[in-house]
Amino acid sequence: MGLIDDLKGKAQGLIHDNEQAIKDGITKAGDFVDTRTGGKYAGHVDKIQDGASKLIDRNGTPGQAPAAGPVPPAAPGNPVPPVDRAP
């Protein structure tokens, strides 16, 4: 796993050195999507932007739990029902 750890370290170094530029890019990308969709998915775009910015704040270490705490696992007895795709 030396190669993977090496690549992870390099990616974290790049993120750490360019945090603000990456965050600006995330904001611009979200604004672009909002513009192209007429704001139809603004809530979803905002959530993605927030999540990506939090990942950058943690210097690109996805293994760390967010400040809100871990997400509990889904209950095995309650499967997600299939989506009806009929028109």
C-alpha atoms as a PDB file:
ATOM      1  CA  MET A   1       0.000   0.000   0.000  1.00  0.00           C
ATOM      2  CA  GLY A   2       3.011   2.267  -0.222  1.00  0.00           C
ATOM      3  CA  LEU A   3       1.986   3.663  -3.604  1.00  0.00           C
ATOM      4  CA  ILE A   4      -1.531   4.500  -2.452  1.00  0.00           C
ATOM      5  CA  ASP A   5      -0.263   6.157   0.711  1.00  0.00           C
ATOM      6  CA  ASP A   6       2.252   8.132  -1.351  1.00  0.00           C
ATOM      7  CA  LEU A   7      -0.444   9.332  -3.768  1.00  0.00           C
ATOM      8  CA  LYS A   8      -2.739  10.208  -0.861  1.00  0.00           C
ATOM      9  CA  GLY A   9       0.017  12.267   0.740  1.00  0.00           C
ATOM     10  CA  LYS A  10       0.720  14.099  -2.497  1.00  0.00           C
ATOM     11  CA  ALA A  11      -2.988  14.837  -3.028  1.00  0.00           C
ATOM     12  CA  GLN A  12      -3.311  16.178   0.509  1.00  0.00           C
ATOM     13  CA  GLY A  13      -0.251  18.368  -0.051  1.00  0.00           C
ATOM     14  CA  LEU A  14      -1.752  19.786  -3.236  1.00  0.00           C
ATOM     15  CA  ILE A  15      -5.041  20.469  -1.491  1.00  0.00           C
ATOM     16  CA  HIS A  16      -3.306  22.088   1.473  1.00  0.00           C
ATOM     17  CA  ASP A  17      -1.304  24.386  -0.787  1.00  0.00           C
ATOM     18  CA  ASN A  18      -4.334  25.445  -2.853  1.00  0.00           C
ATOM     19  CA  GLU A  19      -7.333  25.401  -0.485  1.00  0.00           C
ATOM     20  CA  GLN A  20      -8.749  28.795  -1.425  1.00  0.00           C
ATOM     21  CA  ALA A  21      -8.367  28.248  -5.165  1.00  0.00           C
ATOM     22  CA  ILE A  22     -10.153  24.894  -4.895  1.00  0.00           C
ATOM     23  CA  LYS A  23     -12.975  26.431  -2.845  1.00  0.00           C
ATOM     24  CA  ASP A  24     -13.326  29.220  -5.418  1.00  0.00           C
ATOM     25  CA  GLY A  25     -13.589  26.568  -8.130  1.00  0.00           C
ATOM     26  CA  ILE A  26     -16.280  24.726  -6.173  1.00  0.00           C
ATOM     27  CA  THR A  27     -18.260  27.954  -5.834  1.00  0.00           C
ATOM     28  CA  LYS A  28     -17.895  28.806  -9.531  1.00  0.00           C
ATOM     29  CA  ALA A  29     -18.941  25.296 -10.579  1.00  0.00           C
ATOM     30  CA  GLY A  30     -22.026  25.453  -8.366  1.00  0.00           C
ATOM     31  CA  ASP A  31     -22.943  28.882  -9.692  1.00  0.00           C
ATOM     32  CA  PHE A  32     -22.555  27.570 -13.240  1.00  0.00           C
ATOM     33  CA  VAL A  33     -24.904  24.654 -12.544  1.00  0.00           C
ATOM     34  CA  ASP A  34     -27.435  27.006 -10.922  1.00  0.00           C
ATOM     35  CA  THR A  35     -27.273  29.306 -13.947  1.00  0.00           C
ATOM     36  CA  ARG A  36     -27.681  26.491 -16.472  1.00  0.00           C
ATOM     37  CA  THR A  37     -30.598  24.895 -14.572  1.00  0.00           C
ATOM     38  CA  GLY A  38     -32.310  28.146 -13.659  1.00  0.00           C
ATOM     39  CA  GLY A  39     -31.757  27.429  -9.961  1.00  0.00           C
ATOM     40  CA  LYS A  40     -33.955  24.323 -10.154  1.00  0.00           C
ATOM     41  CA  TYR A  41     -31.450  22.261  -8.161  1.00  0.00           C
ATOM     42  CA  ALA A  42     -30.018  25.057  -6.006  1.00  0.00           C
ATOM     43  CA  GLY A  43     -30.611  23.201  -2.740  1.00  0.00           C
ATOM     44  CA  HIS A  44     -28.811  20.102  -3.981  1.00  0.00           C
ATOM     45  CA  VAL A  45     -25.971  22.150  -5.422  1.00  0.00           C
ATOM     46  CA  ASP A  46     -25.539  24.012  -2.130  1.00  0.00           C
ATOM     47  CA  LYS A  47     -25.304  20.732  -0.191  1.00  0.00           C
ATOM     48  CA  ILE A  48     -22.655  19.429  -2.564  1.00  0.00           C
ATOM     49  CA  GLN A  49     -20.709  22.688  -2.355  1.00  0.00           C
ATOM     50  CA  ASP A  50     -20.819  22.590   1.449  1.00  0.00           C
ATOM     51  CA  GLY A  51     -19.667  18.972   1.553  1.00  0.00           C
ATOM     52  CA  ALA A  52     -16.826  19.585  -0.869  1.00  0.00           C
ATOM     53  CA  SER A  53     -15.702  22.670   1.062  1.00  0.00           C
ATOM     54  CA  LYS A  54     -15.713  20.700   4.332  1.00  0.00           C
ATOM     55  CA  LEU A  55     -13.587  18.012   2.695  1.00  0.00           C
ATOM     56  CA  ILE A  56     -11.107  20.681   1.615  1.00  0.00           C
ATOM     57  CA  ASP A  57     -11.095  22.098   5.158  1.00  0.00           C
ATOM     58  CA  ARG A  58     -10.022  18.659   6.397  1.00  0.00           C
ATOM     59  CA  ASN A  59      -7.181  18.789   3.829  1.00  0.00           C
ATOM     60  CA  GLY A  60      -8.681  16.101   1.658  1.00  0.00           C
ATOM     61  CA  THR A  61      -8.779  13.345   4.247  1.00  0.00           C
ATOM     62  CA  PRO A  62     -12.071  11.549   3.587  1.00  0.00           C
ATOM     63  CA  GLY A  63     -11.450   9.040   6.397  1.00  0.00           C
ATOM     64  CA  GLN A  64     -12.061  11.666   9.064  1.00  0.00           C
ATOM     65  CA  ALA A  65     -15.549  11.959  10.482  1.00  0.00           C
ATOM     66  CA  PRO A  66     -17.269  15.314   9.975  1.00  0.00           C
ATOM     67  CA  ALA A  67     -17.724  17.610  12.956  1.00  0.00           C
ATOM     68  CA  ALA A  68     -21.388  16.568  13.295  1.00  0.00           C
ATOM     69  CA  GLY A  69     -20.370  12.991  14.115  1.00  0.00           C
ATOM     70  CA  PRO A  70     -20.659   9.683  12.320  1.00  0.00           C
ATOM     71  CA  VAL A  71     -23.682   8.758  10.278  1.00  0.00           C
ATOM     72  CA  PRO A  72     -25.530   5.769  11.779  1.00  0.00           C
ATOM     73  CA  PRO A  73     -25.830   2.706   9.540  1.00  0.00           C
ATOM     74  CA  ALA A  74     -29.113   1.997   7.783  1.00  0.00           C
ATOM     75  CA  ALA A  75     -31.444  -0.402   9.557  1.00  0.00           C
ATOM     76  CA  PRO A  76     -31.238  -3.788   7.802  1.00  0.00           C
ATOM     77  CA  GLY A  77     -34.938  -4.459   8.358  1.00  0.00           C
ATOM     78  CA  ASN A  78     -36.044  -1.375   6.404  1.00  0.00           C
ATOM     79  CA  PRO A  79     -34.841  -1.692   2.806  1.00  0.00           C
ATOM     80  CA  VAL A  80     -35.351   1.255   0.503  1.00  0.00           C
ATOM     81  CA  PRO A  81     -38.395   0.648  -1.693  1.00  0.00           C
ATOM     82  CA  PRO A  82     -37.810   0.614  -5.458  1.00  0.00           C
ATOM     83  CA  VAL A  83     -38.541   3.798  -7.346  1.00  0.00           C
ATOM     84  CA  ASP A  84     -41.502   3.610  -9.684  1.00  0.00           C
ATOM     85  CA  ARG A  85     -40.188   4.755 -13.047  1.00  0.00           C
ATOM     86  CA  ALA A  86     -43.491   4.511 -14.898  1.00  0.00           C
ATOM     87  CA  PRO A  87     -44.382   7.673 -16.846  1.00  0.00           C
END
